[in-house]
Amino acid sequence: METQEYRQKRKAQNRGRAATKSEVADAVTGFLSGEPISAIASGLYRSPGFVKSIIERVGVPQKEDGRYDYLPEECVAESFEEGEIVWSAKYHGPAIIRAELSVDYQAELPGYKDVNYEKKYGSKAYNIWVLEKVDDDYSERWTTSTGGGFSATQLAYDLGKLSHLQEYGVDLSRI
């Protein structure tokens, strides 16, 4: 068990030092997984302000309950690939791209009404699998595409790329 003295010593050692790649990856993964900034800061022996600045500098989507939030510039994209892990601004969490709802794709499927989303809304539309949070005995975490979640349709401008986070060592499969 850590003592208060040990924690203060570790914080003092980190004071004034830049974040390591590992710290950035841990902070981003923890934040996207739903951990509070104070808990992330405590685990990294850093201040909450330091962790918040990492989150903002790296371009991590913010979570706002009950309303849309702007996506950071680094996340903005017009198209996505099948199987890509993205951020859903509407559902405030990660999702997996299942398919682009192009006119050709819709024509192949019975029951779909052919809608040209790009002409109608000025944006491509995607079928996504929204990952839901589960609370199990071990931790609160996002499920995988084989676990819980639900299917939804969302326009590209409400989805955010997360691939830029990989350059900071973030494993998107862990969020």
N, C-alpha and C. Protein backbone atom coordinates (compact mmCIF):
# COMPACT_ATOMS: atom_id res chain seq x y z
N MET A 1 0.84 -1.17 0.00
CA MET A 1 0.00 0.00 0.00
C MET A 1 0.89 1.24 0.00
N GLU A 2 0.53 2.20 -0.84
CA GLU A 2 1.32 3.42 -0.94
C GLU A 2 1.01 4.36 0.22
N THR A 3 2.02 4.97 0.72
CA THR A 3 1.81 5.97 1.77
C THR A 3 1.69 7.34 1.13
N GLN A 4 1.13 8.26 1.88
CA GLN A 4 1.00 9.64 1.40
C GLN A 4 2.38 10.23 1.13
N GLU A 5 3.34 9.89 1.97
CA GLU A 5 4.70 10.39 1.81
C GLU A 5 5.31 9.91 0.49
N TYR A 6 5.09 8.64 0.16
CA TYR A 6 5.61 8.07 -1.09
C TYR A 6 5.00 8.79 -2.29
N ARG A 7 3.68 9.02 -2.25
CA ARG A 7 2.99 9.70 -3.36
C ARG A 7 3.54 11.11 -3.54
N GLN A 8 3.74 11.83 -2.44
CA GLN A 8 4.27 13.20 -2.53
C GLN A 8 5.69 13.19 -3.09
N LYS A 9 6.48 12.20 -2.73
CA LYS A 9 7.85 12.09 -3.23
C LYS A 9 7.84 11.85 -4.74
N ARG A 10 6.96 10.95 -5.20
CA ARG A 10 6.86 10.66 -6.64
C ARG A 10 6.38 11.88 -7.41
N LYS A 11 5.40 12.61 -6.86
CA LYS A 11 4.94 13.83 -7.53
C LYS A 11 6.05 14.86 -7.62
N ALA A 12 6.83 14.98 -6.57
CA ALA A 12 7.94 15.94 -6.56
C ALA A 12 8.98 15.55 -7.61
N GLN A 13 9.22 14.25 -7.79
CA GLN A 13 10.18 13.79 -8.79
C GLN A 13 9.70 14.12 -10.20
N ASN A 14 8.40 14.09 -10.42
CA ASN A 14 7.83 14.35 -11.74
C ASN A 14 7.68 15.85 -12.04
N ARG A 15 7.67 16.67 -11.01
CA ARG A 15 7.43 18.11 -11.19
C ARG A 15 8.45 18.70 -12.16
N GLY A 16 7.94 19.40 -13.18
CA GLY A 16 8.81 20.06 -14.14
C GLY A 16 9.26 19.17 -15.28
N ARG A 17 9.00 17.87 -15.20
CA ARG A 17 9.38 16.94 -16.27
C ARG A 17 8.25 16.80 -17.28
N ALA A 18 8.61 16.73 -18.54
CA ALA A 18 7.62 16.52 -19.60
C ALA A 18 7.03 15.12 -19.48
N ALA A 19 5.85 14.96 -19.99
CA ALA A 19 5.20 13.65 -19.97
C ALA A 19 5.93 12.68 -20.89
N THR A 20 6.09 11.46 -20.44
CA THR A 20 6.69 10.43 -21.28
C THR A 20 5.62 9.90 -22.25
N LYS A 21 6.05 9.19 -23.27
CA LYS A 21 5.11 8.62 -24.24
C LYS A 21 4.16 7.65 -23.53
N SER A 22 4.69 6.93 -22.57
CA SER A 22 3.87 5.99 -21.80
C SER A 22 2.81 6.72 -20.97
N GLU A 23 3.19 7.84 -20.37
CA GLU A 23 2.24 8.62 -19.58
C GLU A 23 1.14 9.19 -20.47
N VAL A 24 1.51 9.67 -21.64
CA VAL A 24 0.51 10.21 -22.57
C VAL A 24 -0.46 9.10 -22.98
N ALA A 25 0.07 7.93 -23.34
CA ALA A 25 -0.78 6.81 -23.75
C ALA A 25 -1.70 6.39 -22.60
N ASP A 26 -1.18 6.30 -21.39
CA ASP A 26 -2.00 5.91 -20.24
C ASP A 26 -3.08 6.95 -19.94
N ALA A 27 -2.72 8.23 -20.04
CA ALA A 27 -3.69 9.30 -19.77
C ALA A 27 -4.82 9.28 -20.80
N VAL A 28 -4.48 9.15 -22.07
CA VAL A 28 -5.48 9.14 -23.14
C VAL A 28 -6.37 7.90 -23.03
N THR A 29 -5.75 6.74 -22.85
CA THR A 29 -6.52 5.50 -22.73
C THR A 29 -7.46 5.56 -21.53
N GLY A 30 -6.95 6.02 -20.41
CA GLY A 30 -7.79 6.14 -19.22
C GLY A 30 -8.95 7.09 -19.42
N PHE A 31 -8.69 8.23 -20.04
CA PHE A 31 -9.73 9.23 -20.27
C PHE A 31 -10.81 8.69 -21.20
N LEU A 32 -10.39 8.08 -22.32
CA LEU A 32 -11.37 7.54 -23.27
C LEU A 32 -12.13 6.34 -22.68
N SER A 33 -11.54 5.69 -21.70
CA SER A 33 -12.20 4.56 -21.04
C SER A 33 -13.16 5.01 -19.95
N GLY A 34 -13.19 6.31 -19.68
CA GLY A 34 -14.15 6.82 -18.72
C GLY A 34 -13.61 7.12 -17.34
N GLU A 35 -12.30 6.99 -17.14
CA GLU A 35 -11.73 7.32 -15.84
C GLU A 35 -11.76 8.82 -15.62
N PRO A 36 -12.03 9.25 -14.39
CA PRO A 36 -11.96 10.68 -14.11
C PRO A 36 -10.52 11.18 -14.17
N ILE A 37 -10.34 12.43 -14.54
CA ILE A 37 -8.99 13.01 -14.66
C ILE A 37 -8.25 12.91 -13.33
N SER A 38 -8.96 13.09 -12.22
CA SER A 38 -8.29 13.01 -10.91
C SER A 38 -7.71 11.62 -10.65
N ALA A 39 -8.40 10.58 -11.07
CA ALA A 39 -7.90 9.21 -10.89
C ALA A 39 -6.69 8.94 -11.80
N ILE A 40 -6.76 9.45 -13.02
CA ILE A 40 -5.63 9.30 -13.95
C ILE A 40 -4.41 10.01 -13.38
N ALA A 41 -4.61 11.24 -12.91
CA ALA A 41 -3.52 12.03 -12.34
C ALA A 41 -2.90 11.32 -11.14
N SER A 42 -3.73 10.77 -10.31
CA SER A 42 -3.24 10.05 -9.14
C SER A 42 -2.38 8.85 -9.54
N GLY A 43 -2.83 8.11 -10.54
CA GLY A 43 -2.09 6.94 -11.01
C GLY A 43 -0.76 7.29 -11.67
N LEU A 44 -0.69 8.48 -12.25
CA LEU A 44 0.54 8.91 -12.93
C LEU A 44 1.44 9.76 -12.03
N TYR A 45 0.98 10.04 -10.83
CA TYR A 45 1.70 10.92 -9.89
C TYR A 45 1.91 12.30 -10.53
N ARG A 46 0.85 12.79 -11.14
CA ARG A 46 0.85 14.11 -11.78
C ARG A 46 -0.36 14.88 -11.29
N SER A 47 -0.40 16.16 -11.58
CA SER A 47 -1.55 16.97 -11.18
C SER A 47 -2.68 16.80 -12.20
N PRO A 48 -3.93 17.03 -11.76
CA PRO A 48 -5.05 16.97 -12.71
C PRO A 48 -4.90 17.97 -13.85
N GLY A 49 -4.35 19.14 -13.58
CA GLY A 49 -4.13 20.14 -14.64
C GLY A 49 -3.16 19.63 -15.69
N PHE A 50 -2.13 18.91 -15.25
CA PHE A 50 -1.14 18.35 -16.17
C PHE A 50 -1.81 17.33 -17.10
N VAL A 51 -2.64 16.46 -16.52
CA VAL A 51 -3.33 15.43 -17.31
C VAL A 51 -4.31 16.09 -18.27
N LYS A 52 -5.05 17.08 -17.81
CA LYS A 52 -6.01 17.78 -18.66
C LYS A 52 -5.30 18.44 -19.85
N SER A 53 -4.12 18.99 -19.62
CA SER A 53 -3.38 19.62 -20.72
C SER A 53 -2.92 18.58 -21.74
N ILE A 54 -2.57 17.38 -21.28
CA ILE A 54 -2.21 16.28 -22.21
C ILE A 54 -3.41 15.97 -23.10
N ILE A 55 -4.57 15.78 -22.47
CA ILE A 55 -5.80 15.43 -23.19
C ILE A 55 -6.12 16.47 -24.26
N GLU A 56 -6.02 17.74 -23.90
CA GLU A 56 -6.33 18.81 -24.85
C GLU A 56 -5.29 18.93 -25.95
N ARG A 57 -4.00 18.81 -25.60
CA ARG A 57 -2.91 18.98 -26.56
C ARG A 57 -2.91 17.86 -27.61
N VAL A 58 -3.20 16.66 -27.19
CA VAL A 58 -3.15 15.50 -28.08
C VAL A 58 -4.36 15.45 -29.02
N GLY A 59 -5.45 16.08 -28.65
CA GLY A 59 -6.65 16.08 -29.51
C GLY A 59 -7.58 14.93 -29.21
N VAL A 60 -7.90 14.76 -27.94
CA VAL A 60 -8.81 13.69 -27.52
C VAL A 60 -10.23 14.26 -27.47
N PRO A 61 -11.21 13.54 -28.04
CA PRO A 61 -12.59 14.01 -27.97
C PRO A 61 -13.06 14.12 -26.52
N GLN A 62 -13.80 15.17 -26.23
CA GLN A 62 -14.32 15.37 -24.88
C GLN A 62 -15.68 14.69 -24.75
N LYS A 63 -16.02 14.33 -23.54
CA LYS A 63 -17.31 13.69 -23.27
C LYS A 63 -18.21 14.67 -22.56
N GLU A 64 -19.34 14.92 -23.16
CA GLU A 64 -20.33 15.81 -22.56
C GLU A 64 -21.64 15.05 -22.49
N ASP A 65 -22.17 14.89 -21.31
CA ASP A 65 -23.43 14.17 -21.16
C ASP A 65 -24.60 15.01 -21.65
N GLY A 66 -25.44 14.37 -22.48
CA GLY A 66 -26.67 15.00 -22.91
C GLY A 66 -26.58 15.98 -24.05
N ARG A 67 -25.39 16.26 -24.58
CA ARG A 67 -25.31 17.17 -25.71
C ARG A 67 -24.09 16.84 -26.55
N TYR A 68 -24.15 17.29 -27.79
CA TYR A 68 -23.00 17.09 -28.68
C TYR A 68 -21.85 17.97 -28.22
N ASP A 69 -20.65 17.52 -28.44
CA ASP A 69 -19.48 18.34 -28.17
C ASP A 69 -18.67 18.40 -29.46
N TYR A 70 -17.93 19.48 -29.63
CA TYR A 70 -17.11 19.62 -30.82
C TYR A 70 -15.99 18.60 -30.80
N LEU A 71 -15.68 18.09 -31.98
CA LEU A 71 -14.54 17.18 -32.11
C LEU A 71 -13.28 18.01 -32.31
N PRO A 72 -12.17 17.60 -31.70
CA PRO A 72 -10.91 18.32 -31.95
C PRO A 72 -10.54 18.24 -33.42
N GLU A 73 -9.81 19.23 -33.89
CA GLU A 73 -9.41 19.29 -35.30
C GLU A 73 -8.74 18.00 -35.76
N GLU A 74 -7.94 17.38 -34.90
CA GLU A 74 -7.22 16.15 -35.26
C GLU A 74 -8.17 14.99 -35.57
N CYS A 75 -9.39 15.06 -35.08
CA CYS A 75 -10.36 13.97 -35.26
C CYS A 75 -11.25 14.14 -36.49
N VAL A 76 -11.29 15.33 -37.04
CA VAL A 76 -12.21 15.63 -38.13
C VAL A 76 -11.80 14.88 -39.40
N ALA A 77 -12.77 14.21 -40.03
CA ALA A 77 -12.52 13.48 -41.27
C ALA A 77 -13.81 13.40 -42.08
N GLU A 78 -13.68 13.19 -43.36
CA GLU A 78 -14.84 13.10 -44.24
C GLU A 78 -15.18 11.66 -44.60
N SER A 79 -14.22 10.75 -44.41
CA SER A 79 -14.49 9.35 -44.74
C SER A 79 -13.75 8.44 -43.77
N PHE A 80 -14.27 7.23 -43.64
CA PHE A 80 -13.74 6.25 -42.70
C PHE A 80 -13.70 4.88 -43.37
N GLU A 81 -12.89 4.00 -42.83
CA GLU A 81 -12.73 2.65 -43.37
C GLU A 81 -13.54 1.64 -42.55
N GLU A 82 -14.01 0.60 -43.21
CA GLU A 82 -14.72 -0.47 -42.52
C GLU A 82 -13.81 -1.09 -41.45
N GLY A 83 -14.32 -1.25 -40.24
CA GLY A 83 -13.55 -1.83 -39.14
C GLY A 83 -12.79 -0.81 -38.31
N GLU A 84 -12.78 0.44 -38.74
CA GLU A 84 -12.03 1.49 -38.03
C GLU A 84 -12.75 1.86 -36.72
N ILE A 85 -11.97 2.04 -35.66
CA ILE A 85 -12.51 2.51 -34.39
C ILE A 85 -12.55 4.02 -34.43
N VAL A 86 -13.73 4.59 -34.18
CA VAL A 86 -13.95 6.03 -34.26
C VAL A 86 -14.61 6.52 -32.97
N TRP A 87 -14.77 7.83 -32.86
CA TRP A 87 -15.48 8.44 -31.74
C TRP A 87 -16.82 8.95 -32.24
N SER A 88 -17.89 8.57 -31.57
CA SER A 88 -19.22 9.05 -31.91
C SER A 88 -19.56 10.25 -31.03
N ALA A 89 -19.69 11.42 -31.65
CA ALA A 89 -20.05 12.62 -30.90
C ALA A 89 -21.48 12.52 -30.38
N LYS A 90 -22.33 11.84 -31.11
CA LYS A 90 -23.73 11.71 -30.70
C LYS A 90 -23.88 10.81 -29.48
N TYR A 91 -23.13 9.71 -29.45
CA TYR A 91 -23.26 8.74 -28.36
C TYR A 91 -22.16 8.88 -27.31
N HIS A 92 -21.26 9.84 -27.49
CA HIS A 92 -20.20 10.15 -26.52
C HIS A 92 -19.35 8.93 -26.17
N GLY A 93 -18.96 8.19 -27.19
CA GLY A 93 -18.13 7.02 -26.95
C GLY A 93 -17.60 6.42 -28.23
N PRO A 94 -16.80 5.37 -28.09
CA PRO A 94 -16.22 4.73 -29.27
C PRO A 94 -17.24 3.90 -30.04
N ALA A 95 -16.95 3.76 -31.32
CA ALA A 95 -17.80 2.97 -32.21
C ALA A 95 -16.90 2.34 -33.28
N ILE A 96 -17.42 1.35 -33.95
CA ILE A 96 -16.69 0.67 -35.02
C ILE A 96 -17.47 0.86 -36.31
N ILE A 97 -16.78 1.29 -37.36
CA ILE A 97 -17.42 1.47 -38.67
C ILE A 97 -17.74 0.10 -39.25
N ARG A 98 -19.01 -0.11 -39.58
CA ARG A 98 -19.42 -1.37 -40.19
C ARG A 98 -19.47 -1.25 -41.71
N ALA A 99 -20.06 -0.15 -42.21
CA ALA A 99 -20.17 0.03 -43.67
C ALA A 99 -20.54 1.47 -43.99
N GLU A 100 -20.09 1.93 -45.15
CA GLU A 100 -20.53 3.23 -45.66
C GLU A 100 -21.88 3.00 -46.33
N LEU A 101 -22.84 3.86 -46.05
CA LEU A 101 -24.17 3.72 -46.62
C LEU A 101 -24.25 4.48 -47.95
N SER A 102 -23.44 4.01 -48.89
CA SER A 102 -23.46 4.62 -50.23
C SER A 102 -24.73 4.18 -50.95
N VAL A 103 -25.05 4.85 -52.04
CA VAL A 103 -26.24 4.50 -52.82
C VAL A 103 -26.11 3.07 -53.34
N ASP A 104 -24.92 2.69 -53.79
CA ASP A 104 -24.71 1.33 -54.30
C ASP A 104 -24.90 0.29 -53.19
N TYR A 105 -24.38 0.56 -52.01
CA TYR A 105 -24.53 -0.36 -50.88
C TYR A 105 -26.00 -0.54 -50.52
N GLN A 106 -26.75 0.56 -50.48
CA GLN A 106 -28.16 0.49 -50.13
C GLN A 106 -28.97 -0.27 -51.18
N ALA A 107 -28.59 -0.14 -52.45
CA ALA A 107 -29.31 -0.82 -53.53
C ALA A 107 -29.18 -2.33 -53.42
N GLU A 108 -28.09 -2.81 -52.83
CA GLU A 108 -27.85 -4.25 -52.68
C GLU A 108 -28.67 -4.87 -51.55
N LEU A 109 -29.14 -4.07 -50.62
CA LEU A 109 -29.82 -4.59 -49.45
C LEU A 109 -31.33 -4.42 -49.54
N PRO A 110 -32.07 -5.50 -49.34
CA PRO A 110 -33.52 -5.37 -49.40
C PRO A 110 -34.03 -4.57 -48.19
N GLY A 111 -35.03 -3.75 -48.42
CA GLY A 111 -35.63 -2.99 -47.33
C GLY A 111 -35.03 -1.61 -47.10
N TYR A 112 -33.88 -1.35 -47.70
CA TYR A 112 -33.26 -0.02 -47.55
C TYR A 112 -33.88 0.94 -48.55
N LYS A 113 -34.19 2.12 -48.10
CA LYS A 113 -34.64 3.17 -49.00
C LYS A 113 -33.38 3.86 -49.51
N ASP A 114 -33.23 3.94 -50.83
CA ASP A 114 -32.03 4.56 -51.39
C ASP A 114 -32.00 6.05 -51.10
N VAL A 115 -31.05 6.46 -50.25
CA VAL A 115 -30.88 7.87 -49.89
C VAL A 115 -29.46 8.26 -50.25
N ASN A 116 -29.32 9.33 -50.99
CA ASN A 116 -28.00 9.85 -51.30
C ASN A 116 -27.63 10.84 -50.18
N TYR A 117 -26.97 10.33 -49.14
CA TYR A 117 -26.66 11.14 -47.97
C TYR A 117 -25.75 12.32 -48.29
N GLU A 118 -24.82 12.11 -49.22
CA GLU A 118 -23.91 13.19 -49.57
C GLU A 118 -24.65 14.35 -50.23
N LYS A 119 -25.63 14.03 -51.06
CA LYS A 119 -26.42 15.08 -51.72
C LYS A 119 -27.39 15.73 -50.72
N LYS A 120 -28.02 14.91 -49.89
CA LYS A 120 -29.03 15.41 -48.97
C LYS A 120 -28.45 16.18 -47.79
N TYR A 121 -27.35 15.66 -47.21
CA TYR A 121 -26.79 16.26 -46.00
C TYR A 121 -25.37 16.82 -46.17
N GLY A 122 -24.77 16.60 -47.34
CA GLY A 122 -23.41 17.08 -47.57
C GLY A 122 -22.36 16.27 -46.84
N SER A 123 -22.69 15.01 -46.51
CA SER A 123 -21.77 14.16 -45.75
C SER A 123 -22.09 12.69 -46.03
N LYS A 124 -21.05 11.88 -46.00
CA LYS A 124 -21.27 10.44 -46.10
C LYS A 124 -21.95 9.96 -44.83
N ALA A 125 -22.65 8.84 -44.94
CA ALA A 125 -23.30 8.23 -43.78
C ALA A 125 -22.72 6.84 -43.57
N TYR A 126 -22.66 6.42 -42.32
CA TYR A 126 -22.07 5.13 -41.98
C TYR A 126 -22.96 4.35 -41.03
N ASN A 127 -22.95 3.04 -41.22
CA ASN A 127 -23.55 2.14 -40.25
C ASN A 127 -22.44 1.85 -39.25
N ILE A 128 -22.70 2.09 -37.98
CA ILE A 128 -21.68 1.91 -36.95
C ILE A 128 -22.18 0.96 -35.87
N TRP A 129 -21.26 0.36 -35.15
CA TRP A 129 -21.56 -0.43 -33.96
C TRP A 129 -21.05 0.38 -32.78
N VAL A 130 -21.97 0.90 -31.98
CA VAL A 130 -21.62 1.73 -30.84
C VAL A 130 -21.31 0.82 -29.66
N LEU A 131 -20.12 0.99 -29.11
CA LEU A 131 -19.70 0.16 -27.99
C LEU A 131 -20.32 0.69 -26.70
N GLU A 132 -20.96 -0.18 -25.96
CA GLU A 132 -21.58 0.23 -24.71
C GLU A 132 -20.67 -0.10 -23.54
N LYS A 133 -20.81 0.69 -22.51
CA LYS A 133 -20.05 0.44 -21.29
C LYS A 133 -20.72 -0.65 -20.48
N VAL A 134 -19.91 -1.52 -19.93
CA VAL A 134 -20.42 -2.54 -19.02
C VAL A 134 -19.70 -2.39 -17.69
N ASP A 135 -20.39 -2.73 -16.65
CA ASP A 135 -19.80 -2.68 -15.32
C ASP A 135 -19.75 -4.11 -14.82
N ASP A 136 -18.56 -4.69 -14.86
CA ASP A 136 -18.42 -6.06 -14.38
C ASP A 136 -17.72 -6.06 -13.02
N ASP A 137 -17.39 -7.23 -12.54
CA ASP A 137 -16.76 -7.34 -11.22
C ASP A 137 -15.38 -6.72 -11.16
N TYR A 138 -14.73 -6.55 -12.30
CA TYR A 138 -13.34 -6.11 -12.32
C TYR A 138 -13.18 -4.62 -12.61
N SER A 139 -13.94 -4.11 -13.55
CA SER A 139 -13.78 -2.70 -13.91
C SER A 139 -14.95 -2.26 -14.78
N GLU A 140 -15.07 -0.96 -14.92
CA GLU A 140 -16.04 -0.42 -15.86
C GLU A 140 -15.28 -0.20 -17.15
N ARG A 141 -15.74 -0.79 -18.25
CA ARG A 141 -14.99 -0.72 -19.50
C ARG A 141 -15.96 -0.75 -20.67
N TRP A 142 -15.44 -0.39 -21.84
CA TRP A 142 -16.22 -0.49 -23.07
C TRP A 142 -16.19 -1.94 -23.52
N THR A 143 -17.26 -2.39 -24.17
CA THR A 143 -17.29 -3.74 -24.69
C THR A 143 -16.61 -3.77 -26.05
N THR A 144 -16.44 -4.95 -26.57
CA THR A 144 -15.89 -5.09 -27.91
C THR A 144 -17.03 -5.27 -28.90
N SER A 145 -16.69 -5.30 -30.19
CA SER A 145 -17.73 -5.45 -31.21
C SER A 145 -18.43 -6.79 -31.11
N THR A 146 -17.83 -7.76 -30.45
CA THR A 146 -18.48 -9.06 -30.29
C THR A 146 -19.33 -9.09 -29.03
N GLY A 147 -19.20 -8.09 -28.18
CA GLY A 147 -19.98 -8.03 -26.94
C GLY A 147 -21.16 -7.10 -27.10
N GLY A 148 -21.52 -6.42 -26.01
CA GLY A 148 -22.67 -5.54 -26.00
C GLY A 148 -22.47 -4.29 -26.84
N GLY A 149 -23.56 -3.69 -27.19
CA GLY A 149 -23.54 -2.49 -28.00
C GLY A 149 -24.78 -2.45 -28.85
N PHE A 150 -24.81 -1.52 -29.78
CA PHE A 150 -25.96 -1.43 -30.66
C PHE A 150 -25.55 -0.81 -31.99
N SER A 151 -26.36 -1.06 -32.98
CA SER A 151 -26.11 -0.55 -34.32
C SER A 151 -26.79 0.80 -34.48
N ALA A 152 -26.15 1.69 -35.22
CA ALA A 152 -26.70 3.01 -35.47
C ALA A 152 -26.21 3.51 -36.82
N THR A 153 -26.87 4.54 -37.31
CA THR A 153 -26.44 5.22 -38.53
C THR A 153 -26.04 6.63 -38.15
N GLN A 154 -24.88 7.05 -38.64
CA GLN A 154 -24.40 8.38 -38.28
C GLN A 154 -23.67 9.01 -39.45
N LEU A 155 -23.83 10.32 -39.59
CA LEU A 155 -23.13 11.06 -40.63
C LEU A 155 -21.67 11.26 -40.25
N ALA A 156 -20.83 11.37 -41.26
CA ALA A 156 -19.38 11.48 -41.04
C ALA A 156 -19.00 12.66 -40.17
N TYR A 157 -19.72 13.78 -40.27
CA TYR A 157 -19.33 14.95 -39.49
C TYR A 157 -19.62 14.80 -38.00
N ASP A 158 -20.31 13.73 -37.60
CA ASP A 158 -20.53 13.44 -36.19
C ASP A 158 -19.64 12.30 -35.70
N LEU A 159 -18.70 11.89 -36.54
CA LEU A 159 -17.74 10.84 -36.18
C LEU A 159 -16.34 11.43 -36.18
N GLY A 160 -15.50 10.93 -35.30
CA GLY A 160 -14.13 11.43 -35.23
C GLY A 160 -13.11 10.32 -35.36
N LYS A 161 -12.09 10.57 -36.16
CA LYS A 161 -10.98 9.62 -36.29
C LYS A 161 -10.19 9.60 -35.00
N LEU A 162 -9.72 8.43 -34.62
CA LEU A 162 -8.87 8.30 -33.44
C LEU A 162 -7.49 7.79 -33.81
N SER A 163 -7.25 7.58 -35.10
CA SER A 163 -5.98 6.99 -35.54
C SER A 163 -4.77 7.85 -35.18
N HIS A 164 -4.95 9.18 -35.06
CA HIS A 164 -3.82 10.05 -34.70
C HIS A 164 -3.30 9.74 -33.29
N LEU A 165 -4.13 9.12 -32.46
CA LEU A 165 -3.71 8.80 -31.09
C LEU A 165 -2.71 7.65 -31.06
N GLN A 166 -2.66 6.86 -32.11
CA GLN A 166 -1.73 5.74 -32.17
C GLN A 166 -0.27 6.20 -32.19
N GLU A 167 0.00 7.39 -32.72
CA GLU A 167 1.37 7.89 -32.72
C GLU A 167 1.85 8.21 -31.31
N TYR A 168 0.93 8.30 -30.36
CA TYR A 168 1.28 8.53 -28.96
C TYR A 168 1.32 7.21 -28.18
N GLY A 169 1.17 6.10 -28.87
CA GLY A 169 1.24 4.79 -28.23
C GLY A 169 -0.08 4.29 -27.69
N VAL A 170 -1.18 4.93 -28.08
CA VAL A 170 -2.50 4.51 -27.60
C VAL A 170 -2.97 3.29 -28.40
N ASP A 171 -3.33 2.24 -27.69
CA ASP A 171 -3.87 1.03 -28.29
C ASP A 171 -5.39 1.19 -28.32
N LEU A 172 -5.94 1.47 -29.49
CA LEU A 172 -7.38 1.77 -29.61
C LEU A 172 -8.24 0.57 -29.19
N SER A 173 -7.72 -0.62 -29.24
CA SER A 173 -8.51 -1.78 -28.82
C SER A 173 -8.69 -1.81 -27.30
N ARG A 174 -7.95 -0.99 -26.56
CA ARG A 174 -8.07 -0.97 -25.10
C ARG A 174 -9.08 0.05 -24.59
N ILE A 175 -9.65 0.86 -25.48
CA ILE A 175 -10.59 1.87 -24.98
C ILE A 175 -12.00 1.32 -24.97
